């Protein structure tokens, strides 16, 4: 597979690139979708479609460059790194856990159990449901006491192939327990609020990315009447369900599912958050590009807290940049990535 970076000269070319999304036979995978003329579009193209796609672009005089010559080479290197790391003894505690490399689902689950065992007064594990294939949906609860305190939700790995998010989730978990009592901000939050963190939000998909297909992002539930498996869990919420940006084709990477909350991985979160009833923030971590996004993704109507959200995002990206100079774009989802 090759990854092409495509740059549109104008809105006409932009719509020609967008037309590629509907050419299912090409089996294209949009890593960065069509937004505006200023932003390149990145597409993973399987070998069998490469010539056709390049001819289509060249015929329309659309500029492109080869961003990754052979994706398989990079995946093989990643696999070799993981295999050599796996020969090292399993960590006995979370201090010896290697946060700089990727881990299997069983390693992440055992990390969670070690963290709970080491910090029984701060961390507990809540199983909020099961995946389609029967894996537990583990959520780490960070709490300094009290009942039904205001809470913050964080999830990573809803798109299973975005491995750096699950890796970030394990780091978040360790950072929270390390910084409580030392860092004034973390301490102030946990003295008044609880944090709930779901590191492997799509466990079946994550397992599948390690065993079968590194590029898998959906769930693993079969779709009736189709040979294509899985639903995009991020398009399965009951919020503008089935609107722009979601597909009704089970073979699509953005297939929304037969109905809202059809996936247990999504419904379990919805049920848990609703029954808790006192969540004040909900943060979902994705990878590929630096963006801090707030609602909405399905309508251009501003959220009622638009001004507050915008100001908060502005402050957050400023703080983010202060550390490593990383620049984040920010705004409502529909205005920033759609």
C-alpha atoms as a PDB file:
ATOM      1  CA  UNK A   1       0.000   0.000   0.000  1.00  0.00           C
ATOM      2  CA  UNK A   2       1.072   3.562  -0.666  1.00  0.00           C
ATOM      3  CA  UNK A   3      -0.044   6.695   1.158  1.00  0.00           C
ATOM      4  CA  UNK A   4      -0.635   9.664  -1.136  1.00  0.00           C
ATOM      5  CA  UNK A   5      -0.818  13.283  -0.048  1.00  0.00           C
ATOM      6  CA  UNK A   6      -3.178  15.200  -2.336  1.00  0.00           C
ATOM      7  CA  UNK A   7      -3.404  18.973  -2.559  1.00  0.00           C
ATOM      8  CA  UNK A   8      -6.380  20.694  -4.184  1.00  0.00           C
ATOM      9  CA  UNK A   9      -5.881  23.978  -6.050  1.00  0.00           C
ATOM     10  CA  UNK A  10      -9.504  25.071  -5.679  1.00  0.00           C
ATOM     11  CA  UNK A  11     -12.993  23.966  -4.634  1.00  0.00           C
ATOM     12  CA  UNK A  12     -13.562  22.164  -7.946  1.00  0.00           C
ATOM     13  CA  UNK A  13     -10.534  19.938  -7.339  1.00  0.00           C
ATOM     14  CA  UNK A  14     -11.620  19.515  -3.722  1.00  0.00           C
ATOM     15  CA  UNK A  15     -14.937  18.026  -4.845  1.00  0.00           C
ATOM     16  CA  UNK A  16     -13.114  15.750  -7.336  1.00  0.00           C
ATOM     17  CA  UNK A  17     -11.021  14.419  -4.443  1.00  0.00           C
ATOM     18  CA  UNK A  18     -14.185  14.024  -2.333  1.00  0.00           C
ATOM     19  CA  UNK A  19     -15.700  11.913  -5.141  1.00  0.00           C
ATOM     20  CA  UNK A  20     -13.009   9.317  -4.416  1.00  0.00           C
ATOM     21  CA  UNK A  21     -14.757   8.602  -1.104  1.00  0.00           C
ATOM     22  CA  UNK A  22     -17.686   7.098  -3.007  1.00  0.00           C
ATOM     23  CA  UNK A  23     -15.532   4.882  -5.247  1.00  0.00           C
ATOM     24  CA  UNK A  24     -15.877   1.846  -2.985  1.00  0.00           C
ATOM     25  CA  UNK A  25     -14.180  -0.457  -5.504  1.00  0.00           C
ATOM     26  CA  UNK A  26     -10.863   1.363  -4.905  1.00  0.00           C
ATOM     27  CA  UNK A  27     -10.967   0.418  -1.177  1.00  0.00           C
ATOM     28  CA  UNK A  28      -9.376   3.721  -0.216  1.00  0.00           C
ATOM     29  CA  UNK A  29      -8.661   4.625   3.386  1.00  0.00           C
ATOM     30  CA  UNK A  30      -8.821   8.356   4.104  1.00  0.00           C
ATOM     31  CA  UNK A  31      -6.317   9.142   6.848  1.00  0.00           C
ATOM     32  CA  UNK A  32      -7.029  12.833   6.568  1.00  0.00           C
ATOM     33  CA  UNK A  33     -10.318  13.656   4.860  1.00  0.00           C
ATOM     34  CA  UNK A  34     -11.378  16.511   2.645  1.00  0.00           C
ATOM     35  CA  UNK A  35     -11.737  19.789   4.584  1.00  0.00           C
ATOM     36  CA  UNK A  36     -10.565  22.897   2.764  1.00  0.00           C
ATOM     37  CA  UNK A  37      -8.201  23.933  -0.023  1.00  0.00           C
ATOM     38  CA  UNK A  38      -5.455  24.821   2.470  1.00  0.00           C
ATOM     39  CA  UNK A  39      -5.367  21.323   4.017  1.00  0.00           C
ATOM     40  CA  UNK A  40      -3.854  18.302   2.221  1.00  0.00           C
ATOM     41  CA  UNK A  41      -5.790  15.035   1.985  1.00  0.00           C
ATOM     42  CA  UNK A  42      -3.929  11.829   2.938  1.00  0.00           C
ATOM     43  CA  UNK A  43      -5.165   8.538   1.492  1.00  0.00           C
ATOM     44  CA  UNK A  44      -3.918   4.990   1.893  1.00  0.00           C
ATOM     45  CA  UNK A  45      -4.244   3.300  -1.511  1.00  0.00           C
ATOM     46  CA  UNK A  46      -4.038  -0.491  -1.966  1.00  0.00           C
ATOM     47  CA  UNK A  47      -1.717  -1.646  -4.764  1.00  0.00           C
ATOM     48  CA  UNK A  48      -4.595  -2.911  -6.931  1.00  0.00           C
ATOM     49  CA  UNK A  49      -6.057   0.611  -7.084  1.00  0.00           C
ATOM     50  CA  UNK A  50      -2.855   2.612  -7.270  1.00  0.00           C
ATOM     51  CA  UNK A  51      -2.652   3.085 -11.042  1.00  0.00           C
ATOM     52  CA  UNK A  52      -6.360   3.915 -11.354  1.00  0.00           C
ATOM     53  CA  UNK A  53      -6.201   6.518  -8.586  1.00  0.00           C
ATOM     54  CA  UNK A  54      -3.056   8.133  -9.963  1.00  0.00           C
ATOM     55  CA  UNK A  55      -4.546   8.263 -13.473  1.00  0.00           C
ATOM     56  CA  UNK A  56      -7.755   9.796 -12.069  1.00  0.00           C
ATOM     57  CA  UNK A  57      -5.769  12.509 -10.261  1.00  0.00           C
ATOM     58  CA  UNK A  58      -3.419  13.197 -13.174  1.00  0.00           C
ATOM     59  CA  UNK A  59      -6.293  13.403 -15.663  1.00  0.00           C
ATOM     60  CA  UNK A  60      -7.977  16.021 -13.463  1.00  0.00           C
ATOM     61  CA  UNK A  61      -4.647  17.829 -13.005  1.00  0.00           C
ATOM     62  CA  UNK A  62      -4.779  17.300  -9.234  1.00  0.00           C
ATOM     63  CA  UNK A  63      -1.386  17.498  -7.522  1.00  0.00           C
ATOM     64  CA  UNK A  64      -0.253  14.632  -5.323  1.00  0.00           C
ATOM     65  CA  UNK A  65       2.936  13.314  -3.763  1.00  0.00           C
ATOM     66  CA  UNK A  66       3.876   9.912  -2.375  1.00  0.00           C
ATOM     67  CA  UNK A  67       3.999  10.343   1.383  1.00  0.00           C
ATOM     68  CA  UNK A  68       4.746   6.692   2.227  1.00  0.00           C
ATOM     69  CA  UNK A  69       6.273   4.612  -0.559  1.00  0.00           C
ATOM     70  CA  UNK A  70       5.516   1.223   0.983  1.00  0.00           C
ATOM     71  CA  UNK A  71       3.448   1.130   4.156  1.00  0.00           C
ATOM     72  CA  UNK A  72       4.144  -2.579   4.701  1.00  0.00           C
ATOM     73  CA  UNK A  73       7.839  -1.839   5.293  1.00  0.00           C
ATOM     74  CA  UNK A  74       6.918   0.459   8.200  1.00  0.00           C
ATOM     75  CA  UNK A  75       4.442  -2.061   9.627  1.00  0.00           C
ATOM     76  CA  UNK A  76       7.075  -4.817   9.447  1.00  0.00           C
ATOM     77  CA  UNK A  77       9.547  -2.615  11.329  1.00  0.00           C
ATOM     78  CA  UNK A  78       6.934  -1.863  14.000  1.00  0.00           C
ATOM     79  CA  UNK A  79       6.183  -5.582  14.318  1.00  0.00           C
ATOM     80  CA  UNK A  80       9.879  -6.450  14.710  1.00  0.00           C
ATOM     81  CA  UNK A  81      10.258  -3.829  17.449  1.00  0.00           C
ATOM     82  CA  UNK A  82       7.316  -5.296  19.340  1.00  0.00           C
ATOM     83  CA  UNK A  83       8.590  -8.850  18.991  1.00  0.00           C
ATOM     84  CA  UNK A  84      12.047  -7.971  20.286  1.00  0.00           C
ATOM     85  CA  UNK A  85      10.523  -6.034  23.205  1.00  0.00           C
ATOM     86  CA  UNK A  86       8.280  -9.003  24.033  1.00  0.00           C
ATOM     87  CA  UNK A  87      11.373 -11.115  24.756  1.00  0.00           C
ATOM     88  CA  UNK A  88      12.095  -8.899  27.747  1.00  0.00           C
ATOM     89  CA  UNK A  89      10.603 -10.102  31.041  1.00  0.00           C
ATOM     90  CA  UNK A  90       7.088  -8.954  31.892  1.00  0.00           C
ATOM     91  CA  UNK A  91       7.058  -5.887  34.169  1.00  0.00           C
ATOM     92  CA  UNK A  92       6.480  -6.735  37.846  1.00  0.00           C
ATOM     93  CA  UNK A  93       5.022  -3.313  38.579  1.00  0.00           C
ATOM     94  CA  UNK A  94       3.893  -0.183  36.768  1.00  0.00           C
ATOM     95  CA  UNK A  95       7.246   1.531  37.416  1.00  0.00           C
ATOM     96  CA  UNK A  96       8.958  -0.994  35.149  1.00  0.00           C
ATOM     97  CA  UNK A  97       6.225  -0.831  32.462  1.00  0.00           C
ATOM     98  CA  UNK A  98       7.695   0.436  29.179  1.00  0.00           C
ATOM     99  CA  UNK A  99       5.588   3.442  28.177  1.00  0.00           C
ATOM    100  CA  UNK A 100       7.732   4.069  25.097  1.00  0.00           C
ATOM    101  CA  UNK A 101       6.501   1.036  23.153  1.00  0.00           C
ATOM    102  CA  UNK A 102       3.193  -0.457  22.048  1.00  0.00           C
ATOM    103  CA  UNK A 103       1.557  -3.203  24.080  1.00  0.00           C
ATOM    104  CA  UNK A 104      -0.889  -6.018  23.464  1.00  0.00           C
ATOM    105  CA  UNK A 105      -4.341  -5.968  25.039  1.00  0.00           C
ATOM    106  CA  UNK A 106      -3.328  -8.538  27.667  1.00  0.00           C
ATOM    107  CA  UNK A 107      -0.338  -6.394  28.654  1.00  0.00           C
ATOM    108  CA  UNK A 108      -2.549  -3.311  28.997  1.00  0.00           C
ATOM    109  CA  UNK A 109      -5.126  -5.236  31.037  1.00  0.00           C
ATOM    110  CA  UNK A 110      -2.415  -6.535  33.384  1.00  0.00           C
ATOM    111  CA  UNK A 111      -1.006  -2.989  33.667  1.00  0.00           C
ATOM    112  CA  UNK A 112      -4.463  -1.836  34.803  1.00  0.00           C
ATOM    113  CA  UNK A 113      -4.627  -4.554  37.453  1.00  0.00           C
ATOM    114  CA  UNK A 114      -1.122  -3.717  38.717  1.00  0.00           C
ATOM    115  CA  UNK A 115      -1.994  -0.017  38.939  1.00  0.00           C
ATOM    116  CA  UNK A 116      -5.109  -0.806  41.000  1.00  0.00           C
ATOM    117  CA  UNK A 117      -3.141  -3.169  43.284  1.00  0.00           C
ATOM    118  CA  UNK A 118      -0.435  -0.551  43.848  1.00  0.00           C
ATOM    119  CA  UNK A 119      -2.848   2.330  44.508  1.00  0.00           C
ATOM    120  CA  UNK A 120      -5.912   0.831  46.225  1.00  0.00           C
ATOM    121  CA  UNK A 121      -6.879   4.135  47.865  1.00  0.00           C
ATOM    122  CA  UNK A 122      -6.892   6.027  44.588  1.00  0.00           C
ATOM    123  CA  UNK A 123      -7.632   3.638  41.722  1.00  0.00           C
ATOM    124  CA  UNK A 124     -10.301   1.006  41.177  1.00  0.00           C
ATOM    125  CA  UNK A 125     -11.429  -0.928  38.112  1.00  0.00           C
ATOM    126  CA  UNK A 126     -15.010  -0.771  36.921  1.00  0.00           C
ATOM    127  CA  UNK A 127     -16.174  -3.225  34.243  1.00  0.00           C
ATOM    128  CA  UNK A 128     -18.942  -1.369  32.415  1.00  0.00           C
ATOM    129  CA  UNK A 129     -19.836  -4.139  29.959  1.00  0.00           C
ATOM    130  CA  UNK A 130     -18.502  -6.610  27.431  1.00  0.00           C
ATOM    131  CA  UNK A 131     -17.366  -6.270  23.838  1.00  0.00           C
ATOM    132  CA  UNK A 132     -19.070  -8.281  21.080  1.00  0.00           C
ATOM    133  CA  UNK A 133     -16.400 -11.003  21.416  1.00  0.00           C
ATOM    134  CA  UNK A 134     -16.793 -11.062  25.202  1.00  0.00           C
ATOM    135  CA  UNK A 135     -13.839  -8.985  26.351  1.00  0.00           C
ATOM    136  CA  UNK A 136     -14.357  -6.869  29.480  1.00  0.00           C
ATOM    137  CA  UNK A 137     -14.776  -3.113  28.977  1.00  0.00           C
ATOM    138  CA  UNK A 138     -12.460  -1.945  31.764  1.00  0.00           C
ATOM    139  CA  UNK A 139     -12.631   1.582  33.110  1.00  0.00           C
ATOM    140  CA  UNK A 140     -10.154   2.911  35.663  1.00  0.00           C
ATOM    141  CA  UNK A 141     -11.750   5.101  38.325  1.00  0.00           C
ATOM    142  CA  UNK A 142      -9.482   7.618  40.038  1.00  0.00           C
ATOM    143  CA  UNK A 143     -11.120   8.888  43.209  1.00  0.00           C
ATOM    144  CA  UNK A 144     -10.113  10.265  46.589  1.00  0.00           C
ATOM    145  CA  UNK A 145     -13.469   9.435  48.163  1.00  0.00           C
ATOM    146  CA  UNK A 146     -16.968  10.820  48.367  1.00  0.00           C
ATOM    147  CA  UNK A 147     -20.019   9.492  46.593  1.00  0.00           C
ATOM    148  CA  UNK A 148     -21.093  10.328  43.061  1.00  0.00           C
ATOM    149  CA  UNK A 149     -18.732  13.251  42.818  1.00  0.00           C
ATOM    150  CA  UNK A 150     -18.652  15.379  39.657  1.00  0.00           C
ATOM    151  CA  UNK A 151     -16.662  13.384  37.136  1.00  0.00           C
ATOM    152  CA  UNK A 152     -14.481  13.594  34.027  1.00  0.00           C
ATOM    153  CA  UNK A 153     -14.655  10.889  31.342  1.00  0.00           C
ATOM    154  CA  UNK A 154     -11.639  10.113  29.115  1.00  0.00           C
ATOM    155  CA  UNK A 155     -11.514   7.351  26.507  1.00  0.00           C
ATOM    156  CA  UNK A 156      -8.712   6.235  24.201  1.00  0.00           C
ATOM    157  CA  UNK A 157      -8.616   3.697  21.400  1.00  0.00           C
ATOM    158  CA  UNK A 158     -12.215   3.890  20.140  1.00  0.00           C
ATOM    159  CA  UNK A 159     -10.613   3.570  16.695  1.00  0.00           C
ATOM    160  CA  UNK A 160      -8.531   0.472  17.338  1.00  0.00           C
ATOM    161  CA  UNK A 161      -5.666   1.158  14.933  1.00  0.00           C
ATOM    162  CA  UNK A 162      -4.845   4.487  16.601  1.00  0.00           C
ATOM    163  CA  UNK A 163      -2.354   2.716  18.852  1.00  0.00           C
ATOM    164  CA  UNK A 164      -0.728   5.863  20.147  1.00  0.00           C
ATOM    165  CA  UNK A 165      -4.018   6.671  21.905  1.00  0.00           C
ATOM    166  CA  UNK A 166      -4.113   3.447  23.958  1.00  0.00           C
ATOM    167  CA  UNK A 167      -0.413   4.035  24.686  1.00  0.00           C
ATOM    168  CA  UNK A 168      -1.277   7.567  25.808  1.00  0.00           C
ATOM    169  CA  UNK A 169      -4.086   6.201  27.982  1.00  0.00           C
ATOM    170  CA  UNK A 170      -1.693   3.975  29.936  1.00  0.00           C
ATOM    171  CA  UNK A 171       0.632   6.955  30.369  1.00  0.00           C
ATOM    172  CA  UNK A 172      -2.278   9.163  31.544  1.00  0.00           C
ATOM    173  CA  UNK A 173      -3.161   6.540  34.158  1.00  0.00           C
ATOM    174  CA  UNK A 174       0.378   6.377  35.548  1.00  0.00           C
ATOM    175  CA  UNK A 175       0.716  10.175  35.383  1.00  0.00           C
ATOM    176  CA  UNK A 176      -2.461  10.678  37.441  1.00  0.00           C
ATOM    177  CA  UNK A 177      -1.315   8.414  40.282  1.00  0.00           C
ATOM    178  CA  UNK A 178       2.238   9.803  40.206  1.00  0.00           C
ATOM    179  CA  UNK A 179       1.154  13.435  40.206  1.00  0.00           C
ATOM    180  CA  UNK A 180      -1.620  13.244  42.802  1.00  0.00           C
ATOM    181  CA  UNK A 181      -0.277  14.989  45.920  1.00  0.00           C
ATOM    182  CA  UNK A 182       2.644  16.451  43.944  1.00  0.00           C
ATOM    183  CA  UNK A 183       1.155  18.410  41.081  1.00  0.00           C
ATOM    184  CA  UNK A 184      -1.229  21.169  42.247  1.00  0.00           C
ATOM    185  CA  UNK A 185      -3.555  20.918  39.213  1.00  0.00           C
ATOM    186  CA  UNK A 186      -4.030  17.128  39.334  1.00  0.00           C
ATOM    187  CA  UNK A 187      -4.378  17.251  43.121  1.00  0.00           C
ATOM    188  CA  UNK A 188      -6.993  20.024  42.982  1.00  0.00           C
ATOM    189  CA  UNK A 189      -9.056  18.105  40.413  1.00  0.00           C
ATOM    190  CA  UNK A 190      -8.966  14.802  42.304  1.00  0.00           C
ATOM    191  CA  UNK A 191      -9.773  16.437  45.633  1.00  0.00           C
ATOM    192  CA  UNK A 192     -13.119  17.502  44.192  1.00  0.00           C
ATOM    193  CA  UNK A 193     -13.787  15.245  41.203  1.00  0.00           C
ATOM    194  CA  UNK A 194     -13.403  11.676  39.979  1.00  0.00           C
ATOM    195  CA  UNK A 195     -11.702  10.714  36.705  1.00  0.00           C
ATOM    196  CA  UNK A 196     -12.905   7.716  34.692  1.00  0.00           C
ATOM    197  CA  UNK A 197     -10.483   6.445  32.031  1.00  0.00           C
ATOM    198  CA  UNK A 198     -11.262   3.734  29.458  1.00  0.00           C
ATOM    199  CA  UNK A 199      -7.956   2.857  27.795  1.00  0.00           C
ATOM    200  CA  UNK A 200      -9.064   0.099  25.397  1.00  0.00           C
ATOM    201  CA  UNK A 201     -12.474   1.337  24.266  1.00  0.00           C
ATOM    202  CA  UNK A 202     -12.650  -1.041  21.282  1.00  0.00           C
ATOM    203  CA  UNK A 203     -10.948  -4.204  22.587  1.00  0.00           C
ATOM    204  CA  UNK A 204     -12.005  -6.571  19.782  1.00  0.00           C
ATOM    205  CA  UNK A 205     -10.708  -4.176  17.171  1.00  0.00           C
ATOM    206  CA  UNK A 206      -7.490  -3.650  19.138  1.00  0.00           C
ATOM    207  CA  UNK A 207      -6.882  -7.402  19.439  1.00  0.00           C
ATOM    208  CA  UNK A 208      -7.515  -7.724  15.685  1.00  0.00           C
ATOM    209  CA  UNK A 209      -4.961  -4.986  14.865  1.00  0.00           C
ATOM    210  CA  UNK A 210      -2.346  -7.057  16.693  1.00  0.00           C
ATOM    211  CA  UNK A 211      -3.258 -10.419  15.191  1.00  0.00           C
ATOM    212  CA  UNK A 212      -4.688  -9.861  11.709  1.00  0.00           C
ATOM    213  CA  UNK A 213      -4.926  -6.355  10.254  1.00  0.00           C
ATOM    214  CA  UNK A 214      -2.940  -3.430  11.651  1.00  0.00           C
ATOM    215  CA  UNK A 215      -5.186  -0.937   9.822  1.00  0.00           C
ATOM    216  CA  UNK A 216      -8.477  -2.133  11.376  1.00  0.00           C
ATOM    217  CA  UNK A 217     -10.453   0.657  13.060  1.00  0.00           C
ATOM    218  CA  UNK A 218     -14.035  -0.623  13.493  1.00  0.00           C
ATOM    219  CA  UNK A 219     -15.640  -3.067  15.911  1.00  0.00           C
ATOM    220  CA  UNK A 220     -15.681  -6.784  15.022  1.00  0.00           C
ATOM    221  CA  UNK A 221     -19.411  -7.518  15.041  1.00  0.00           C
ATOM    222  CA  UNK A 222     -20.673  -9.158  11.822  1.00  0.00           C
ATOM    223  CA  UNK A 223     -23.180  -7.191   9.749  1.00  0.00           C
ATOM    224  CA  UNK A 224     -26.248  -9.125   8.644  1.00  0.00           C
ATOM    225  CA  UNK A 225     -26.615  -9.283   4.878  1.00  0.00           C
ATOM    226  CA  UNK A 226     -23.003  -8.290   4.294  1.00  0.00           C
ATOM    227  CA  UNK A 227     -19.664 -10.080   4.249  1.00  0.00           C
ATOM    228  CA  UNK A 228     -18.063  -6.923   5.679  1.00  0.00           C
ATOM    229  CA  UNK A 229     -17.503  -6.860   9.418  1.00  0.00           C
ATOM    230  CA  UNK A 230     -17.707  -4.105  11.994  1.00  0.00           C
ATOM    231  CA  UNK A 231     -19.112  -0.684  12.734  1.00  0.00           C
ATOM    232  CA  UNK A 232     -17.261   2.599  13.207  1.00  0.00           C
ATOM    233  CA  UNK A 233     -18.009   3.068  16.925  1.00  0.00           C
ATOM    234  CA  UNK A 234     -17.378   6.787  16.605  1.00  0.00           C
ATOM    235  CA  UNK A 235     -20.316   7.033  14.177  1.00  0.00           C
ATOM    236  CA  UNK A 236     -22.591   4.899  16.386  1.00  0.00           C
ATOM    237  CA  UNK A 237     -23.624   7.527  18.941  1.00  0.00           C
ATOM    238  CA  UNK A 238     -27.186   8.828  19.035  1.00  0.00           C
ATOM    239  CA  UNK A 239     -26.089  12.319  18.027  1.00  0.00           C
ATOM    240  CA  UNK A 240     -26.943  13.263  14.473  1.00  0.00           C
ATOM    241  CA  UNK A 241     -26.894   9.503  13.783  1.00  0.00           C
ATOM    242  CA  UNK A 242     -26.516   8.712  10.086  1.00  0.00           C
ATOM    243  CA  UNK A 243     -25.848  12.317   9.129  1.00  0.00           C
ATOM    244  CA  UNK A 244     -23.014  13.708   6.987  1.00  0.00           C
ATOM    245  CA  UNK A 245     -19.646  12.076   7.608  1.00  0.00           C
ATOM    246  CA  UNK A 246     -21.137   8.635   8.325  1.00  0.00           C
ATOM    247  CA  UNK A 247     -21.763   5.855   5.817  1.00  0.00           C
ATOM    248  CA  UNK A 248     -24.691   3.450   5.479  1.00  0.00           C
ATOM    249  CA  UNK A 249     -22.433   0.948   3.665  1.00  0.00           C
ATOM    250  CA  UNK A 250     -21.233  -1.878   5.987  1.00  0.00           C
ATOM    251  CA  UNK A 251     -18.005  -2.104   3.976  1.00  0.00           C
ATOM    252  CA  UNK A 252     -17.104   1.521   4.647  1.00  0.00           C
ATOM    253  CA  UNK A 253     -14.559   2.569   7.290  1.00  0.00           C
ATOM    254  CA  UNK A 254     -17.177   5.051   8.549  1.00  0.00           C
ATOM    255  CA  UNK A 255     -20.155   2.646   8.649  1.00  0.00           C
ATOM    256  CA  UNK A 256     -22.529   3.997  11.299  1.00  0.00           C
ATOM    257  CA  UNK A 257     -24.145   0.637  12.171  1.00  0.00           C
ATOM    258  CA  UNK A 258     -27.757  -0.548  11.830  1.00  0.00           C
ATOM    259  CA  UNK A 259     -28.947   1.805  14.580  1.00  0.00           C
ATOM    260  CA  UNK A 260     -27.580   4.186  17.211  1.00  0.00           C
ATOM    261  CA  UNK A 261     -25.905   2.379  20.124  1.00  0.00           C
ATOM    262  CA  UNK A 262     -26.068  -0.962  18.274  1.00  0.00           C
ATOM    263  CA  UNK A 263     -22.491  -1.638  19.439  1.00  0.00           C
ATOM    264  CA  UNK A 264     -22.096  -2.787  23.044  1.00  0.00           C
ATOM    265  CA  UNK A 265     -18.805  -0.881  23.222  1.00  0.00           C
ATOM    266  CA  UNK A 266     -20.733   2.369  22.689  1.00  0.00           C
ATOM    267  CA  UNK A 267     -23.945   1.487  24.537  1.00  0.00           C
ATOM    268  CA  UNK A 268     -21.990   0.491  27.658  1.00  0.00           C
ATOM    269  CA  UNK A 269     -20.453   3.971  27.844  1.00  0.00           C
ATOM    270  CA  UNK A 270     -23.814   5.663  27.244  1.00  0.00           C
ATOM    271  CA  UNK A 271     -25.535   3.584  29.944  1.00  0.00           C
ATOM    272  CA  UNK A 272     -22.711   4.125  32.414  1.00  0.00           C
ATOM    273  CA  UNK A 273     -22.492   7.893  31.908  1.00  0.00           C
ATOM    274  CA  UNK A 274     -26.282   8.330  32.068  1.00  0.00           C
ATOM    275  CA  UNK A 275     -26.701   6.200  35.188  1.00  0.00           C
ATOM    276  CA  UNK A 276     -23.849   8.083  36.907  1.00  0.00           C
ATOM    277  CA  UNK A 277     -25.577  11.350  36.085  1.00  0.00           C
ATOM    278  CA  UNK A 278     -22.854  13.731  37.238  1.00  0.00           C
ATOM    279  CA  UNK A 279     -20.263  13.868  34.444  1.00  0.00           C
ATOM    280  CA  UNK A 280     -19.003  17.386  33.766  1.00  0.00           C
ATOM    281  CA  UNK A 281     -16.556  16.632  30.939  1.00  0.00           C
ATOM    282  CA  UNK A 282     -16.281  13.978  28.243  1.00  0.00           C
ATOM    283  CA  UNK A 283     -12.996  13.690  26.333  1.00  0.00           C
ATOM    284  CA  UNK A 284     -12.287  11.215  23.541  1.00  0.00           C
ATOM    285  CA  UNK A 285      -8.696  10.859  22.331  1.00  0.00           C
ATOM    286  CA  UNK A 286      -7.901  10.150  18.661  1.00  0.00           C
ATOM    287  CA  UNK A 287      -4.680  10.247  16.674  1.00  0.00           C
ATOM    288  CA  UNK A 288      -3.408  11.572  13.332  1.00  0.00           C
ATOM    289  CA  UNK A 289      -3.099  15.375  13.218  1.00  0.00           C
ATOM    290  CA  UNK A 290      -3.061  17.888  16.072  1.00  0.00           C
ATOM    291  CA  UNK A 291      -6.578  19.160  16.692  1.00  0.00           C
ATOM    292  CA  UNK A 292      -8.594  20.019  19.767  1.00  0.00           C
ATOM    293  CA  UNK A 293     -12.239  19.681  18.840  1.00  0.00           C
ATOM    294  CA  UNK A 294     -15.484  20.475  20.610  1.00  0.00           C
ATOM    295  CA  UNK A 295     -19.168  19.966  19.577  1.00  0.00           C
ATOM    296  CA  UNK A 296     -20.803  19.722  17.191  1.00  0.00           C
ATOM    297  CA  UNK A 297     -19.713  17.327  14.471  1.00  0.00           C
ATOM    298  CA  UNK A 298     -23.116  16.928  12.807  1.00  0.00           C
ATOM    299  CA  UNK A 299     -24.510  20.463  12.657  1.00  0.00           C
ATOM    300  CA  UNK A 300     -23.131  23.951  12.153  1.00  0.00           C
ATOM    301  CA  UNK A 301     -25.513  25.276  14.827  1.00  0.00           C
ATOM    302  CA  UNK A 302     -23.192  26.426  17.640  1.00  0.00           C
ATOM    303  CA  UNK A 303     -23.335  24.539  20.937  1.00  0.00           C
ATOM    304  CA  UNK A 304     -24.965  26.593  23.680  1.00  0.00           C
ATOM    305  CA  UNK A 305     -21.590  26.717  25.470  1.00  0.00           C
ATOM    306  CA  UNK A 306     -19.751  27.669  22.273  1.00  0.00           C
ATOM    307  CA  UNK A 307     -18.037  30.747  23.733  1.00  0.00           C
ATOM    308  CA  UNK A 308     -16.853  28.938  26.855  1.00  0.00           C
ATOM    309  CA  UNK A 309     -15.700  25.903  24.834  1.00  0.00           C
ATOM    310  CA  UNK A 310     -13.840  28.128  22.374  1.00  0.00           C
ATOM    311  CA  UNK A 311     -12.073  30.072  25.125  1.00  0.00           C
ATOM    312  CA  UNK A 312     -11.183  26.869  26.952  1.00  0.00           C
ATOM    313  CA  UNK A 313      -9.802  25.312  23.736  1.00  0.00           C
ATOM    314  CA  UNK A 314      -7.783  28.462  23.076  1.00  0.00           C
ATOM    315  CA  UNK A 315      -6.218  28.250  26.542  1.00  0.00           C
ATOM    316  CA  UNK A 316      -5.593  24.522  26.173  1.00  0.00           C
ATOM    317  CA  UNK A 317      -3.785  24.775  22.838  1.00  0.00           C
ATOM    318  CA  UNK A 318      -1.673  27.617  24.224  1.00  0.00           C
ATOM    319  CA  UNK A 319      -0.666  25.431  27.176  1.00  0.00           C
ATOM    320  CA  UNK A 320      -0.017  22.481  24.848  1.00  0.00           C
ATOM    321  CA  UNK A 321       2.304  24.592  22.709  1.00  0.00           C
ATOM    322  CA  UNK A 322       4.237  25.806  25.757  1.00  0.00           C
ATOM    323  CA  UNK A 323       5.695  22.325  26.343  1.00  0.00           C
ATOM    324  CA  UNK A 324       7.117  21.224  22.976  1.00  0.00           C
ATOM    325  CA  UNK A 325       5.922  23.949  20.619  1.00  0.00           C
ATOM    326  CA  UNK A 326       3.281  21.575  19.195  1.00  0.00           C
ATOM    327  CA  UNK A 327       0.668  23.585  17.346  1.00  0.00           C
ATOM    328  CA  UNK A 328      -2.958  22.475  17.566  1.00  0.00           C
ATOM    329  CA  UNK A 329      -5.837  23.656  15.417  1.00  0.00           C
ATOM    330  CA  UNK A 330      -9.052  24.058  17.352  1.00  0.00           C
ATOM    331  CA  UNK A 331     -12.742  24.668  16.879  1.00  0.00           C
ATOM    332  CA  UNK A 332     -16.025  22.846  16.516  1.00  0.00           C
ATOM    333  CA  UNK A 333     -15.671  19.450  14.813  1.00  0.00           C
ATOM    334  CA  UNK A 334     -17.752  20.383  11.774  1.00  0.00           C
ATOM    335  CA  UNK A 335     -15.847  23.619  11.175  1.00  0.00           C
ATOM    336  CA  UNK A 336     -12.406  22.130  11.747  1.00  0.00           C
ATOM    337  CA  UNK A 337     -12.309  18.685  10.117  1.00  0.00           C
ATOM    338  CA  UNK A 338     -15.452  18.453   7.997  1.00  0.00           C
END
